[in-house]
Structure formats: C-alpha cells, structure tokens
Amino acid sequence: MKKLTSILLTIAMLMSTVAFAAETESYSQSFWDVPKEHWAFGEIAELVNRGIIEGYDNGSFDPYGAVSRAEWAKMLFTAGNVPEAKYIHLALENSGDMSKRHWAALYMVSVKDYLAPEMKNEATMYRPDDAATREEVAVSLAKFKGYASSDVSIIQQFSDSKDIGQPAYIAGAVKEGIVNGYDDGSFKPRNPVTRAEAAALLCRALKLGQ
C-alpha cells in the first residue's frame, strides 16, 4: 500500500511539473529585463497573469531590485485573498513609521499577523519602506500556510542558524520546501529578498498543498 501511495504521489508531482512547464511555454514576454531564459520567468509571468504582481511604467520588472515590506505585504494580501482590515486608523494610532495615508497601509495592517515585526517597539513595527528579509518572507509564508514546526533541528544544517530569530517558522518553511539555503551552507536570514526571489517563493508556496 505504501509503495502504491509513493508511486501515485510521484506521478502526481510529475504531472504537476509537466503542466507548469506547458504553462510557462505559453506565457508571452512582458518585461524587457526578464527574458524567457531567466530562472524565475515562469513564476513572475504566472503571478503577473494572476494580477498579484506588476512591473513598472517603463516596461521593466527589476527582478534584482529589493522588495520592500510594503510591496511584500501587498503581494501576500493579493495572493492569499486576505480579508481587508477594518479600522485602519486605529491600528496605526501608535505607529510612528507609517501613516494611514501610506499607499500600503491597508495591505500592511491586513497582513500584520503574517508579516510580524522583528522589533518589539510599537513605534517602528511596520517599517513599510525597509527591504523585506529572507526570514521575514519565509516566516510570513510559513504562517500563512500553517507550516510551523516544533522540530527545529532541520535548521541546524545552516552555518548561521544562530542568526535565525523565528526558528519554528523557518524550520516549517524549509521542511515543506518553500525556502532553502545557499550553496555555502548558510541561510542568510537578514539578506534582502529580490523581486524575482519573492515571486518564486510566493509561487512555490501557493502551489504547495494544491
């Protein structure tokens, strides 16, 4: 029975891979700086087609530009169909770093339980214009998918595991295949996430469990 289950799972994964490859081939080119040879072309194109992300007025996507916390909040909000937060002005009452007039106020307040602040100071809890880090993005996706893990031994594989501030969520994200480390054995939790990386991570998380 276990062998049959394993075979069926393998077939399902292969079918999913083939389907995604076929989808990728059908994508039209949208951005001059994201050729079809780009490693994240398929993920970027898919999220653009679904209205989750967009490019710039000059026809570029800027795949290697850093994603701000505000931009990531919008991506997560749109992709996850997160309910709009109510009483935004009250949620921002004690915030010293984001106005209710900020373009991303609705998104950041709506997903704040997923994109938790690293700092304890309420006055700097949102930091909308700071670059989103690998840990912040991975944690928000793990929270959204419910992938926290009580067994954090998996992150011991990373040479800088001591720098990971939320090990349970990172362990869950690694275990489920949302994110992994670098070739040098590190995780680099404080590294900014690029727009291409954000698209790939979000696309990967959305496909898990489907």
N, C-alpha and C. Protein backbone atom coordinates (compact mmCIF):
# COMPACT_ATOMS: atom_id res chain seq x y z
N MET A 1 0.82 -1.20 0.00
CA MET A 1 0.00 0.00 0.00
C MET A 1 0.86 1.26 0.00
N LYS A 2 1.90 1.25 0.85
CA LYS A 2 2.80 2.39 0.91
C LYS A 2 3.49 2.61 -0.43
N LYS A 3 3.88 1.49 -1.08
CA LYS A 3 4.55 1.58 -2.37
C LYS A 3 3.62 2.19 -3.40
N LEU A 4 2.35 1.79 -3.40
CA LEU A 4 1.38 2.32 -4.35
C LEU A 4 1.17 3.81 -4.11
N THR A 5 1.08 4.19 -2.83
CA THR A 5 0.91 5.61 -2.49
C THR A 5 2.08 6.43 -2.99
N SER A 6 3.29 5.90 -2.80
CA SER A 6 4.50 6.58 -3.25
C SER A 6 4.51 6.76 -4.76
N ILE A 7 4.09 5.71 -5.47
CA ILE A 7 4.05 5.77 -6.94
C ILE A 7 3.05 6.83 -7.40
N LEU A 8 1.86 6.83 -6.78
CA LEU A 8 0.82 7.80 -7.15
C LEU A 8 1.28 9.22 -6.88
N LEU A 9 1.98 9.41 -5.74
CA LEU A 9 2.48 10.74 -5.40
C LEU A 9 3.51 11.20 -6.41
N THR A 10 4.39 10.29 -6.82
CA THR A 10 5.41 10.62 -7.82
C THR A 10 4.77 11.01 -9.15
N ILE A 11 3.74 10.24 -9.56
CA ILE A 11 3.04 10.54 -10.82
C ILE A 11 2.38 11.90 -10.74
N ALA A 12 1.75 12.21 -9.60
CA ALA A 12 1.08 13.49 -9.43
C ALA A 12 2.06 14.65 -9.52
N MET A 13 3.25 14.46 -8.91
CA MET A 13 4.26 15.51 -8.94
C MET A 13 4.78 15.71 -10.36
N LEU A 14 4.96 14.62 -11.09
CA LEU A 14 5.42 14.73 -12.47
C LEU A 14 4.40 15.43 -13.34
N MET A 15 3.12 15.09 -13.15
CA MET A 15 2.06 15.73 -13.92
C MET A 15 2.00 17.22 -13.64
N SER A 16 2.20 17.58 -12.35
CA SER A 16 2.20 18.99 -11.97
C SER A 16 3.36 19.73 -12.62
N THR A 17 4.54 19.07 -12.65
CA THR A 17 5.72 19.68 -13.26
C THR A 17 5.52 19.89 -14.75
N VAL A 18 4.96 18.87 -15.43
CA VAL A 18 4.72 18.97 -16.87
C VAL A 18 3.72 20.06 -17.17
N ALA A 19 2.66 20.13 -16.36
CA ALA A 19 1.63 21.15 -16.55
C ALA A 19 2.21 22.54 -16.39
N PHE A 20 3.07 22.70 -15.37
CA PHE A 20 3.67 24.01 -15.15
C PHE A 20 4.61 24.38 -16.28
N ALA A 21 5.36 23.38 -16.79
CA ALA A 21 6.27 23.64 -17.91
C ALA A 21 5.48 24.07 -19.14
N ALA A 22 4.33 23.43 -19.37
CA ALA A 22 3.49 23.79 -20.51
C ALA A 22 2.95 25.20 -20.36
N GLU A 23 2.55 25.54 -19.11
CA GLU A 23 2.07 26.89 -18.85
C GLU A 23 3.15 27.91 -19.14
N THR A 24 4.38 27.61 -18.68
CA THR A 24 5.49 28.52 -18.87
C THR A 24 5.74 28.80 -20.35
N GLU A 25 5.63 27.76 -21.17
CA GLU A 25 5.85 27.93 -22.60
C GLU A 25 4.82 28.86 -23.22
N SER A 26 3.63 28.91 -22.63
CA SER A 26 2.56 29.71 -23.23
C SER A 26 2.59 31.17 -22.80
N TYR A 27 3.43 31.51 -21.82
CA TYR A 27 3.48 32.88 -21.34
C TYR A 27 4.07 33.80 -22.42
N SER A 28 3.45 34.94 -22.60
CA SER A 28 4.02 35.93 -23.52
C SER A 28 5.04 36.76 -22.76
N GLN A 29 5.98 37.31 -23.50
CA GLN A 29 7.01 38.13 -22.86
C GLN A 29 6.41 39.48 -22.47
N SER A 30 6.61 39.87 -21.20
CA SER A 30 6.04 41.12 -20.72
C SER A 30 7.09 42.17 -20.38
N PHE A 31 8.23 41.73 -19.85
CA PHE A 31 9.23 42.68 -19.36
C PHE A 31 10.55 42.52 -20.11
N TRP A 32 11.13 43.63 -20.50
CA TRP A 32 12.36 43.57 -21.28
C TRP A 32 13.54 43.07 -20.46
N ASP A 33 13.45 43.16 -19.11
CA ASP A 33 14.56 42.71 -18.28
C ASP A 33 14.32 41.32 -17.67
N VAL A 34 13.28 40.62 -18.15
CA VAL A 34 13.04 39.24 -17.72
C VAL A 34 12.84 38.37 -18.95
N PRO A 35 13.94 37.96 -19.60
CA PRO A 35 13.83 37.10 -20.77
C PRO A 35 13.35 35.71 -20.38
N LYS A 36 12.93 34.93 -21.35
CA LYS A 36 12.42 33.59 -21.05
C LYS A 36 13.48 32.69 -20.43
N GLU A 37 14.76 33.06 -20.60
CA GLU A 37 15.84 32.27 -20.03
C GLU A 37 16.05 32.57 -18.55
N HIS A 38 15.41 33.62 -18.05
CA HIS A 38 15.58 33.99 -16.65
C HIS A 38 15.06 32.87 -15.75
N TRP A 39 15.79 32.58 -14.68
CA TRP A 39 15.45 31.45 -13.82
C TRP A 39 14.05 31.56 -13.20
N ALA A 40 13.53 32.79 -13.04
CA ALA A 40 12.21 32.97 -12.42
C ALA A 40 11.16 33.45 -13.42
N PHE A 41 11.44 33.28 -14.70
CA PHE A 41 10.50 33.78 -15.72
C PHE A 41 9.09 33.21 -15.52
N GLY A 42 8.97 31.90 -15.37
CA GLY A 42 7.67 31.27 -15.23
C GLY A 42 6.89 31.76 -14.03
N GLU A 43 7.57 31.87 -12.88
CA GLU A 43 6.91 32.30 -11.66
C GLU A 43 6.45 33.76 -11.77
N ILE A 44 7.33 34.61 -12.32
CA ILE A 44 6.97 36.02 -12.48
C ILE A 44 5.78 36.16 -13.42
N ALA A 45 5.84 35.45 -14.55
CA ALA A 45 4.76 35.53 -15.54
C ALA A 45 3.44 35.04 -14.96
N GLU A 46 3.51 33.97 -14.19
CA GLU A 46 2.28 33.42 -13.62
C GLU A 46 1.63 34.39 -12.65
N LEU A 47 2.44 35.00 -11.79
CA LEU A 47 1.89 35.93 -10.81
C LEU A 47 1.39 37.20 -11.46
N VAL A 48 2.04 37.62 -12.54
CA VAL A 48 1.56 38.78 -13.30
C VAL A 48 0.21 38.46 -13.93
N ASN A 49 0.11 37.28 -14.53
CA ASN A 49 -1.15 36.87 -15.16
C ASN A 49 -2.29 36.78 -14.16
N ARG A 50 -1.95 36.48 -12.92
CA ARG A 50 -2.98 36.34 -11.88
C ARG A 50 -3.25 37.67 -11.18
N GLY A 51 -2.55 38.73 -11.60
CA GLY A 51 -2.79 40.04 -11.03
C GLY A 51 -2.20 40.26 -9.66
N ILE A 52 -1.22 39.42 -9.29
CA ILE A 52 -0.62 39.50 -7.96
C ILE A 52 0.54 40.48 -7.92
N ILE A 53 1.32 40.52 -9.00
CA ILE A 53 2.43 41.47 -9.09
C ILE A 53 2.36 42.19 -10.42
N GLU A 54 3.11 43.26 -10.54
CA GLU A 54 3.14 44.03 -11.78
C GLU A 54 4.50 44.67 -11.96
N GLY A 55 4.73 45.17 -13.17
CA GLY A 55 6.00 45.81 -13.46
C GLY A 55 5.91 47.33 -13.36
N TYR A 56 6.85 47.98 -14.03
CA TYR A 56 6.91 49.43 -13.98
C TYR A 56 6.48 50.04 -15.32
N ASP A 57 6.25 51.35 -15.31
CA ASP A 57 5.75 52.04 -16.49
C ASP A 57 6.71 51.97 -17.67
N ASN A 58 8.00 51.77 -17.39
CA ASN A 58 8.98 51.72 -18.49
C ASN A 58 9.11 50.32 -19.09
N GLY A 59 8.23 49.41 -18.68
CA GLY A 59 8.24 48.06 -19.25
C GLY A 59 9.19 47.10 -18.57
N SER A 60 9.78 47.51 -17.46
CA SER A 60 10.70 46.63 -16.74
C SER A 60 10.03 46.00 -15.53
N PHE A 61 10.68 44.99 -14.98
CA PHE A 61 10.21 44.35 -13.75
C PHE A 61 11.20 44.56 -12.62
N ASP A 62 12.46 44.80 -12.96
CA ASP A 62 13.53 44.97 -11.97
C ASP A 62 13.65 43.73 -11.09
N PRO A 63 13.94 42.56 -11.69
CA PRO A 63 13.97 41.30 -10.94
C PRO A 63 15.00 41.26 -9.82
N TYR A 64 16.06 42.06 -9.92
CA TYR A 64 17.11 42.02 -8.90
C TYR A 64 16.99 43.15 -7.89
N GLY A 65 15.94 43.96 -8.02
CA GLY A 65 15.69 45.01 -7.04
C GLY A 65 15.11 44.41 -5.77
N ALA A 66 15.37 45.06 -4.65
CA ALA A 66 14.87 44.56 -3.36
C ALA A 66 13.38 44.82 -3.22
N VAL A 67 12.69 43.91 -2.56
CA VAL A 67 11.27 44.06 -2.26
C VAL A 67 11.12 44.72 -0.90
N SER A 68 10.34 45.78 -0.84
CA SER A 68 10.11 46.42 0.45
C SER A 68 9.06 45.64 1.23
N ARG A 69 9.00 45.87 2.52
CA ARG A 69 8.00 45.20 3.34
C ARG A 69 6.58 45.56 2.88
N ALA A 70 6.42 46.80 2.42
CA ALA A 70 5.12 47.23 1.91
C ALA A 70 4.74 46.47 0.65
N GLU A 71 5.70 46.33 -0.26
CA GLU A 71 5.44 45.59 -1.51
C GLU A 71 5.13 44.13 -1.22
N TRP A 72 5.88 43.55 -0.31
CA TRP A 72 5.63 42.14 0.03
C TRP A 72 4.26 41.98 0.68
N ALA A 73 3.86 42.93 1.52
CA ALA A 73 2.55 42.87 2.15
C ALA A 73 1.45 42.88 1.10
N LYS A 74 1.61 43.70 0.07
CA LYS A 74 0.61 43.75 -1.00
C LYS A 74 0.55 42.42 -1.75
N MET A 75 1.72 41.84 -2.04
CA MET A 75 1.77 40.56 -2.74
C MET A 75 1.06 39.47 -1.94
N LEU A 76 1.35 39.42 -0.65
CA LEU A 76 0.76 38.40 0.22
C LEU A 76 -0.75 38.61 0.35
N PHE A 77 -1.14 39.86 0.50
CA PHE A 77 -2.56 40.21 0.63
C PHE A 77 -3.33 39.79 -0.62
N THR A 78 -2.77 40.10 -1.79
CA THR A 78 -3.46 39.80 -3.04
C THR A 78 -3.48 38.31 -3.33
N ALA A 79 -2.33 37.66 -3.15
CA ALA A 79 -2.23 36.23 -3.45
C ALA A 79 -3.08 35.38 -2.52
N GLY A 80 -3.17 35.77 -1.26
CA GLY A 80 -3.86 34.96 -0.27
C GLY A 80 -5.30 35.31 -0.05
N ASN A 81 -5.79 36.31 -0.82
CA ASN A 81 -7.18 36.75 -0.61
C ASN A 81 -7.45 37.06 0.86
N VAL A 82 -6.50 37.74 1.47
CA VAL A 82 -6.62 38.09 2.89
C VAL A 82 -7.74 39.13 3.07
N PRO A 83 -8.61 38.95 4.04
CA PRO A 83 -9.69 39.92 4.28
C PRO A 83 -9.12 41.31 4.60
N GLU A 84 -9.79 42.33 4.13
CA GLU A 84 -9.36 43.70 4.41
C GLU A 84 -9.54 44.01 5.89
N ALA A 85 -8.52 44.62 6.46
CA ALA A 85 -8.60 45.01 7.87
C ALA A 85 -9.56 46.17 8.04
N LYS A 86 -10.24 46.20 9.17
CA LYS A 86 -11.13 47.31 9.48
C LYS A 86 -10.45 48.25 10.47
N TYR A 87 -10.92 49.47 10.50
CA TYR A 87 -10.42 50.45 11.46
C TYR A 87 -8.90 50.61 11.36
N ILE A 88 -8.44 50.85 10.14
CA ILE A 88 -7.00 51.00 9.90
C ILE A 88 -6.42 52.16 10.72
N HIS A 89 -7.18 53.24 10.84
CA HIS A 89 -6.67 54.40 11.58
C HIS A 89 -6.38 54.04 13.04
N LEU A 90 -7.17 53.13 13.61
CA LEU A 90 -6.93 52.71 14.99
C LEU A 90 -5.69 51.82 15.07
N ALA A 91 -5.51 50.96 14.06
CA ALA A 91 -4.34 50.06 14.05
C ALA A 91 -3.05 50.84 13.92
N LEU A 92 -3.13 52.01 13.30
CA LEU A 92 -1.92 52.82 13.08
C LEU A 92 -1.77 53.93 14.11
N GLU A 93 -2.64 53.95 15.10
CA GLU A 93 -2.65 55.03 16.08
C GLU A 93 -1.31 55.17 16.80
N ASN A 94 -0.70 54.04 17.15
CA ASN A 94 0.57 54.07 17.89
C ASN A 94 1.78 53.87 17.00
N SER A 95 1.56 53.88 15.70
CA SER A 95 2.68 53.67 14.78
C SER A 95 3.38 54.98 14.47
N GLY A 96 4.69 54.95 14.64
CA GLY A 96 5.46 56.15 14.33
C GLY A 96 6.12 56.07 12.98
N ASP A 97 5.89 54.99 12.23
CA ASP A 97 6.62 54.83 10.98
C ASP A 97 5.72 54.61 9.76
N MET A 98 4.39 54.69 9.94
CA MET A 98 3.52 54.58 8.78
C MET A 98 2.22 55.33 9.01
N SER A 99 1.88 56.15 8.05
CA SER A 99 0.65 56.92 8.12
C SER A 99 -0.48 56.13 7.48
N LYS A 100 -1.71 56.43 7.87
CA LYS A 100 -2.87 55.78 7.24
C LYS A 100 -3.00 56.20 5.78
N ARG A 101 -2.26 57.25 5.41
CA ARG A 101 -2.27 57.70 4.01
C ARG A 101 -1.21 57.01 3.17
N HIS A 102 -0.38 56.19 3.80
CA HIS A 102 0.63 55.44 3.04
C HIS A 102 -0.07 54.52 2.06
N TRP A 103 0.49 54.38 0.86
CA TRP A 103 -0.19 53.59 -0.18
C TRP A 103 -0.41 52.13 0.23
N ALA A 104 0.41 51.64 1.16
CA ALA A 104 0.31 50.23 1.56
C ALA A 104 -0.32 50.04 2.93
N ALA A 105 -0.93 51.08 3.48
CA ALA A 105 -1.48 50.98 4.83
C ALA A 105 -2.49 49.84 4.95
N LEU A 106 -3.40 49.73 4.01
CA LEU A 106 -4.41 48.67 4.04
C LEU A 106 -3.76 47.30 4.01
N TYR A 107 -2.76 47.13 3.13
CA TYR A 107 -2.11 45.82 2.98
C TYR A 107 -1.34 45.44 4.24
N MET A 108 -0.59 46.38 4.77
CA MET A 108 0.27 46.07 5.91
C MET A 108 -0.54 45.76 7.17
N VAL A 109 -1.61 46.50 7.38
CA VAL A 109 -2.44 46.24 8.55
C VAL A 109 -3.18 44.91 8.38
N SER A 110 -3.60 44.61 7.16
CA SER A 110 -4.35 43.38 6.91
C SER A 110 -3.51 42.13 7.11
N VAL A 111 -2.21 42.20 6.77
CA VAL A 111 -1.36 41.00 6.87
C VAL A 111 -0.38 41.07 8.03
N LYS A 112 -0.58 42.01 8.94
CA LYS A 112 0.41 42.21 10.01
C LYS A 112 0.60 40.96 10.86
N ASP A 113 -0.41 40.10 10.97
CA ASP A 113 -0.25 38.88 11.76
C ASP A 113 0.64 37.86 11.06
N TYR A 114 0.80 38.01 9.76
CA TYR A 114 1.69 37.13 9.00
C TYR A 114 3.09 37.72 8.93
N LEU A 115 3.16 39.00 8.58
CA LEU A 115 4.46 39.67 8.47
C LEU A 115 4.75 40.35 9.80
N ALA A 116 5.09 39.54 10.79
CA ALA A 116 5.33 40.05 12.13
C ALA A 116 6.60 40.90 12.19
N PRO A 117 6.59 41.94 12.97
CA PRO A 117 7.77 42.79 13.10
C PRO A 117 8.87 42.08 13.88
N GLU A 118 10.11 42.38 13.54
CA GLU A 118 11.22 41.83 14.30
C GLU A 118 11.41 42.63 15.58
N MET A 119 11.13 43.94 15.48
CA MET A 119 11.35 44.81 16.62
C MET A 119 10.13 44.82 17.54
N LYS A 120 10.36 44.98 18.82
CA LYS A 120 9.27 44.99 19.79
C LYS A 120 8.67 46.38 19.94
N ASN A 121 9.39 47.39 19.51
CA ASN A 121 8.95 48.77 19.66
C ASN A 121 7.75 49.04 18.77
N GLU A 122 6.61 49.37 19.35
CA GLU A 122 5.40 49.61 18.57
C GLU A 122 5.58 50.75 17.58
N ALA A 123 6.43 51.71 17.90
CA ALA A 123 6.60 52.88 17.03
C ALA A 123 7.31 52.54 15.73
N THR A 124 7.96 51.38 15.67
CA THR A 124 8.67 51.01 14.44
C THR A 124 8.22 49.64 13.95
N MET A 125 6.98 49.26 14.25
CA MET A 125 6.55 47.90 13.96
C MET A 125 6.29 47.63 12.47
N TYR A 126 5.95 48.65 11.70
CA TYR A 126 5.58 48.39 10.31
C TYR A 126 6.76 48.51 9.34
N ARG A 127 7.55 49.55 9.48
CA ARG A 127 8.73 49.76 8.62
C ARG A 127 8.42 49.44 7.15
N PRO A 128 7.44 50.10 6.56
CA PRO A 128 6.98 49.75 5.21
C PRO A 128 8.02 49.88 4.11
N ASP A 129 8.95 50.79 4.28
CA ASP A 129 9.91 51.04 3.21
C ASP A 129 11.25 50.31 3.40
N ASP A 130 11.36 49.56 4.49
CA ASP A 130 12.56 48.72 4.68
C ASP A 130 12.49 47.53 3.73
N ALA A 131 13.65 47.03 3.34
CA ALA A 131 13.69 45.83 2.49
C ALA A 131 13.21 44.63 3.29
N ALA A 132 12.36 43.81 2.68
CA ALA A 132 11.92 42.57 3.32
C ALA A 132 13.07 41.58 3.31
N THR A 133 13.31 40.93 4.43
CA THR A 133 14.42 39.99 4.53
C THR A 133 13.96 38.57 4.22
N ARG A 134 14.92 37.69 4.01
CA ARG A 134 14.60 36.28 3.74
C ARG A 134 13.81 35.66 4.90
N GLU A 135 14.20 36.02 6.11
CA GLU A 135 13.49 35.46 7.25
C GLU A 135 12.06 35.98 7.31
N GLU A 136 11.86 37.27 7.10
CA GLU A 136 10.52 37.84 7.15
C GLU A 136 9.61 37.22 6.10
N VAL A 137 10.12 37.07 4.90
CA VAL A 137 9.31 36.50 3.82
C VAL A 137 8.99 35.03 4.09
N ALA A 138 10.01 34.27 4.50
CA ALA A 138 9.81 32.84 4.78
C ALA A 138 8.85 32.65 5.95
N VAL A 139 8.98 33.47 6.99
CA VAL A 139 8.10 33.36 8.16
C VAL A 139 6.66 33.69 7.77
N SER A 140 6.47 34.74 6.98
CA SER A 140 5.11 35.12 6.60
C SER A 140 4.44 34.03 5.78
N LEU A 141 5.19 33.37 4.91
CA LEU A 141 4.63 32.29 4.11
C LEU A 141 4.34 31.05 4.97
N ALA A 142 5.23 30.77 5.90
CA ALA A 142 5.02 29.63 6.80
C ALA A 142 3.79 29.86 7.68
N LYS A 143 3.61 31.08 8.15
CA LYS A 143 2.43 31.40 8.96
C LYS A 143 1.16 31.29 8.11
N PHE A 144 1.23 31.81 6.91
CA PHE A 144 0.06 31.78 6.03
C PHE A 144 -0.36 30.36 5.70
N LYS A 145 0.63 29.48 5.50
CA LYS A 145 0.32 28.09 5.15
C LYS A 145 0.16 27.19 6.37
N GLY A 146 0.49 27.71 7.55
CA GLY A 146 0.39 26.90 8.76
C GLY A 146 1.50 25.87 8.86
N TYR A 147 2.72 26.28 8.52
CA TYR A 147 3.83 25.34 8.45
C TYR A 147 4.84 25.46 9.58
N ALA A 148 4.43 25.91 10.75
CA ALA A 148 5.36 25.97 11.88
C ALA A 148 5.74 24.55 12.28
N SER A 149 6.99 24.37 12.68
CA SER A 149 7.46 23.03 13.07
C SER A 149 8.06 23.08 14.47
N SER A 150 7.66 22.11 15.29
CA SER A 150 8.20 22.04 16.65
C SER A 150 9.61 21.45 16.65
N ASP A 151 9.97 20.79 15.55
CA ASP A 151 11.30 20.20 15.41
C ASP A 151 12.17 21.15 14.60
N VAL A 152 12.98 21.92 15.30
CA VAL A 152 13.80 22.94 14.63
C VAL A 152 15.20 22.41 14.28
N SER A 153 15.41 21.12 14.46
CA SER A 153 16.74 20.57 14.19
C SER A 153 17.13 20.72 12.71
N ILE A 154 16.13 20.86 11.84
CA ILE A 154 16.41 20.96 10.41
C ILE A 154 17.21 22.21 10.07
N ILE A 155 17.07 23.26 10.86
CA ILE A 155 17.80 24.49 10.54
C ILE A 155 19.25 24.43 11.01
N GLN A 156 19.60 23.38 11.76
CA GLN A 156 20.99 23.25 12.19
C GLN A 156 21.92 22.99 11.03
N GLN A 157 21.34 22.65 9.87
CA GLN A 157 22.16 22.44 8.68
C GLN A 157 22.79 23.74 8.19
N PHE A 158 22.24 24.88 8.61
CA PHE A 158 22.75 26.17 8.16
C PHE A 158 23.85 26.66 9.09
N SER A 159 24.91 27.15 8.51
CA SER A 159 26.05 27.61 9.30
C SER A 159 25.72 28.83 10.15
N ASP A 160 24.69 29.58 9.76
CA ASP A 160 24.30 30.78 10.51
C ASP A 160 22.94 30.60 11.18
N SER A 161 22.62 29.37 11.59
CA SER A 161 21.32 29.09 12.20
C SER A 161 21.08 29.91 13.46
N LYS A 162 22.16 30.29 14.16
CA LYS A 162 22.03 31.07 15.39
C LYS A 162 21.46 32.46 15.11
N ASP A 163 21.54 32.90 13.85
CA ASP A 163 21.04 34.23 13.48
C ASP A 163 19.55 34.21 13.11
N ILE A 164 18.97 33.03 13.07
CA ILE A 164 17.55 32.92 12.73
C ILE A 164 16.71 33.21 13.97
N GLY A 165 15.87 34.22 13.89
CA GLY A 165 15.11 34.67 15.05
C GLY A 165 13.82 33.92 15.31
N GLN A 166 13.25 33.31 14.28
CA GLN A 166 11.98 32.58 14.44
C GLN A 166 12.15 31.17 13.87
N PRO A 167 12.90 30.34 14.60
CA PRO A 167 13.29 29.02 14.10
C PRO A 167 12.13 28.08 13.76
N ALA A 168 11.04 28.14 14.52
CA ALA A 168 9.92 27.21 14.27
C ALA A 168 9.32 27.43 12.89
N TYR A 169 9.17 28.70 12.50
CA TYR A 169 8.58 29.01 11.19
C TYR A 169 9.57 28.75 10.06
N ILE A 170 10.83 29.07 10.29
CA ILE A 170 11.84 28.79 9.26
C ILE A 170 11.98 27.29 9.08
N ALA A 171 11.95 26.54 10.17
CA ALA A 171 12.03 25.08 10.08
C ALA A 171 10.86 24.53 9.27
N GLY A 172 9.67 25.09 9.49
CA GLY A 172 8.50 24.66 8.75
C GLY A 172 8.61 24.99 7.27
N ALA A 173 9.11 26.19 6.97
CA ALA A 173 9.26 26.62 5.58
C ALA A 173 10.29 25.77 4.84
N VAL A 174 11.37 25.43 5.52
CA VAL A 174 12.41 24.59 4.92
C VAL A 174 11.90 23.17 4.73
N LYS A 175 11.24 22.65 5.73
CA LYS A 175 10.73 21.28 5.69
C LYS A 175 9.73 21.09 4.55
N GLU A 176 8.88 22.09 4.32
CA GLU A 176 7.85 21.98 3.29
C GLU A 176 8.33 22.39 1.91
N GLY A 177 9.59 22.86 1.82
CA GLY A 177 10.15 23.18 0.51
C GLY A 177 9.87 24.58 0.00
N ILE A 178 9.45 25.48 0.89
CA ILE A 178 9.22 26.86 0.46
C ILE A 178 10.53 27.58 0.22
N VAL A 179 11.48 27.35 1.11
CA VAL A 179 12.76 28.05 1.01
C VAL A 179 13.88 27.09 1.37
N ASN A 180 15.07 27.38 0.88
CA ASN A 180 16.24 26.57 1.24
C ASN A 180 17.43 27.48 1.44
N GLY A 181 18.58 26.87 1.68
CA GLY A 181 19.78 27.65 1.94
C GLY A 181 20.62 27.88 0.70
N TYR A 182 21.81 28.40 0.91
CA TYR A 182 22.74 28.69 -0.17
C TYR A 182 23.78 27.57 -0.31
N ASP A 183 24.48 27.60 -1.41
CA ASP A 183 25.48 26.57 -1.68
C ASP A 183 26.60 26.54 -0.63
N ASP A 184 26.83 27.68 0.02
CA ASP A 184 27.90 27.72 1.03
C ASP A 184 27.44 27.21 2.39
N GLY A 185 26.18 26.73 2.47
CA GLY A 185 25.68 26.17 3.72
C GLY A 185 25.02 27.16 4.64
N SER A 186 24.87 28.40 4.20
CA SER A 186 24.25 29.42 5.04
C SER A 186 22.79 29.64 4.65
N PHE A 187 22.06 30.35 5.50
CA PHE A 187 20.67 30.70 5.20
C PHE A 187 20.53 32.20 4.92
N LYS A 188 21.37 33.00 5.56
CA LYS A 188 21.36 34.45 5.38
C LYS A 188 19.97 35.06 5.66
N PRO A 189 19.50 34.90 6.89
CA PRO A 189 18.15 35.37 7.24
C PRO A 189 17.94 36.87 7.09
N ARG A 190 19.01 37.66 7.20
CA ARG A 190 18.87 39.12 7.12
C ARG A 190 19.07 39.66 5.70
N ASN A 191 19.35 38.80 4.75
CA ASN A 191 19.54 39.26 3.38
C ASN A 191 18.23 39.79 2.80
N PRO A 192 18.29 40.92 2.08
CA PRO A 192 17.08 41.41 1.41
C PRO A 192 16.64 40.42 0.33
N VAL A 193 15.35 40.34 0.10
CA VAL A 193 14.79 39.47 -0.93
C VAL A 193 14.56 40.28 -2.20
N THR A 194 15.01 39.75 -3.34
CA THR A 194 14.80 40.45 -4.61
C THR A 194 13.37 40.20 -5.10
N ARG A 195 12.97 40.99 -6.09
CA ARG A 195 11.62 40.83 -6.64
C ARG A 195 11.44 39.47 -7.30
N ALA A 196 12.49 38.98 -7.95
CA ALA A 196 12.42 37.66 -8.58
C ALA A 196 12.31 36.58 -7.52
N GLU A 197 13.10 36.69 -6.45
CA GLU A 197 13.05 35.70 -5.37
C GLU A 197 11.68 35.70 -4.70
N ALA A 198 11.13 36.90 -4.49
CA ALA A 198 9.82 37.00 -3.86
C ALA A 198 8.76 36.31 -4.71
N ALA A 199 8.82 36.52 -6.02
CA ALA A 199 7.86 35.88 -6.92
C ALA A 199 7.99 34.36 -6.86
N ALA A 200 9.24 33.88 -6.87
CA ALA A 200 9.47 32.43 -6.86
C ALA A 200 9.00 31.80 -5.55
N LEU A 201 9.30 32.45 -4.42
CA LEU A 201 8.90 31.91 -3.12
C LEU A 201 7.38 31.90 -2.97
N LEU A 202 6.74 32.99 -3.39
CA LEU A 202 5.30 33.06 -3.27
C LEU A 202 4.62 32.05 -4.18
N CYS A 203 5.11 31.92 -5.40
CA CYS A 203 4.54 30.97 -6.35
C CYS A 203 4.69 29.54 -5.81
N ARG A 204 5.84 29.26 -5.25
CA ARG A 204 6.11 27.92 -4.69
C ARG A 204 5.16 27.62 -3.53
N ALA A 205 4.94 28.62 -2.68
CA ALA A 205 4.05 28.42 -1.53
C ALA A 205 2.60 28.22 -1.98
N LEU A 206 2.19 28.95 -2.99
CA LEU A 206 0.82 28.83 -3.48
C LEU A 206 0.55 27.46 -4.08
N LYS A 207 1.56 26.86 -4.67
CA LYS A 207 1.39 25.55 -5.31
C LYS A 207 1.39 24.41 -4.29
N LEU A 208 1.99 24.63 -3.13
CA LEU A 208 2.04 23.59 -2.12
C LEU A 208 0.63 23.31 -1.59
N GLY A 209 0.31 22.06 -1.48
CA GLY A 209 -0.98 21.68 -0.94
C GLY A 209 -2.11 21.69 -1.94
N GLN A 210 -1.83 22.06 -3.19
CA GLN A 210 -2.87 22.06 -4.22
C GLN A 210 -2.94 20.72 -4.91
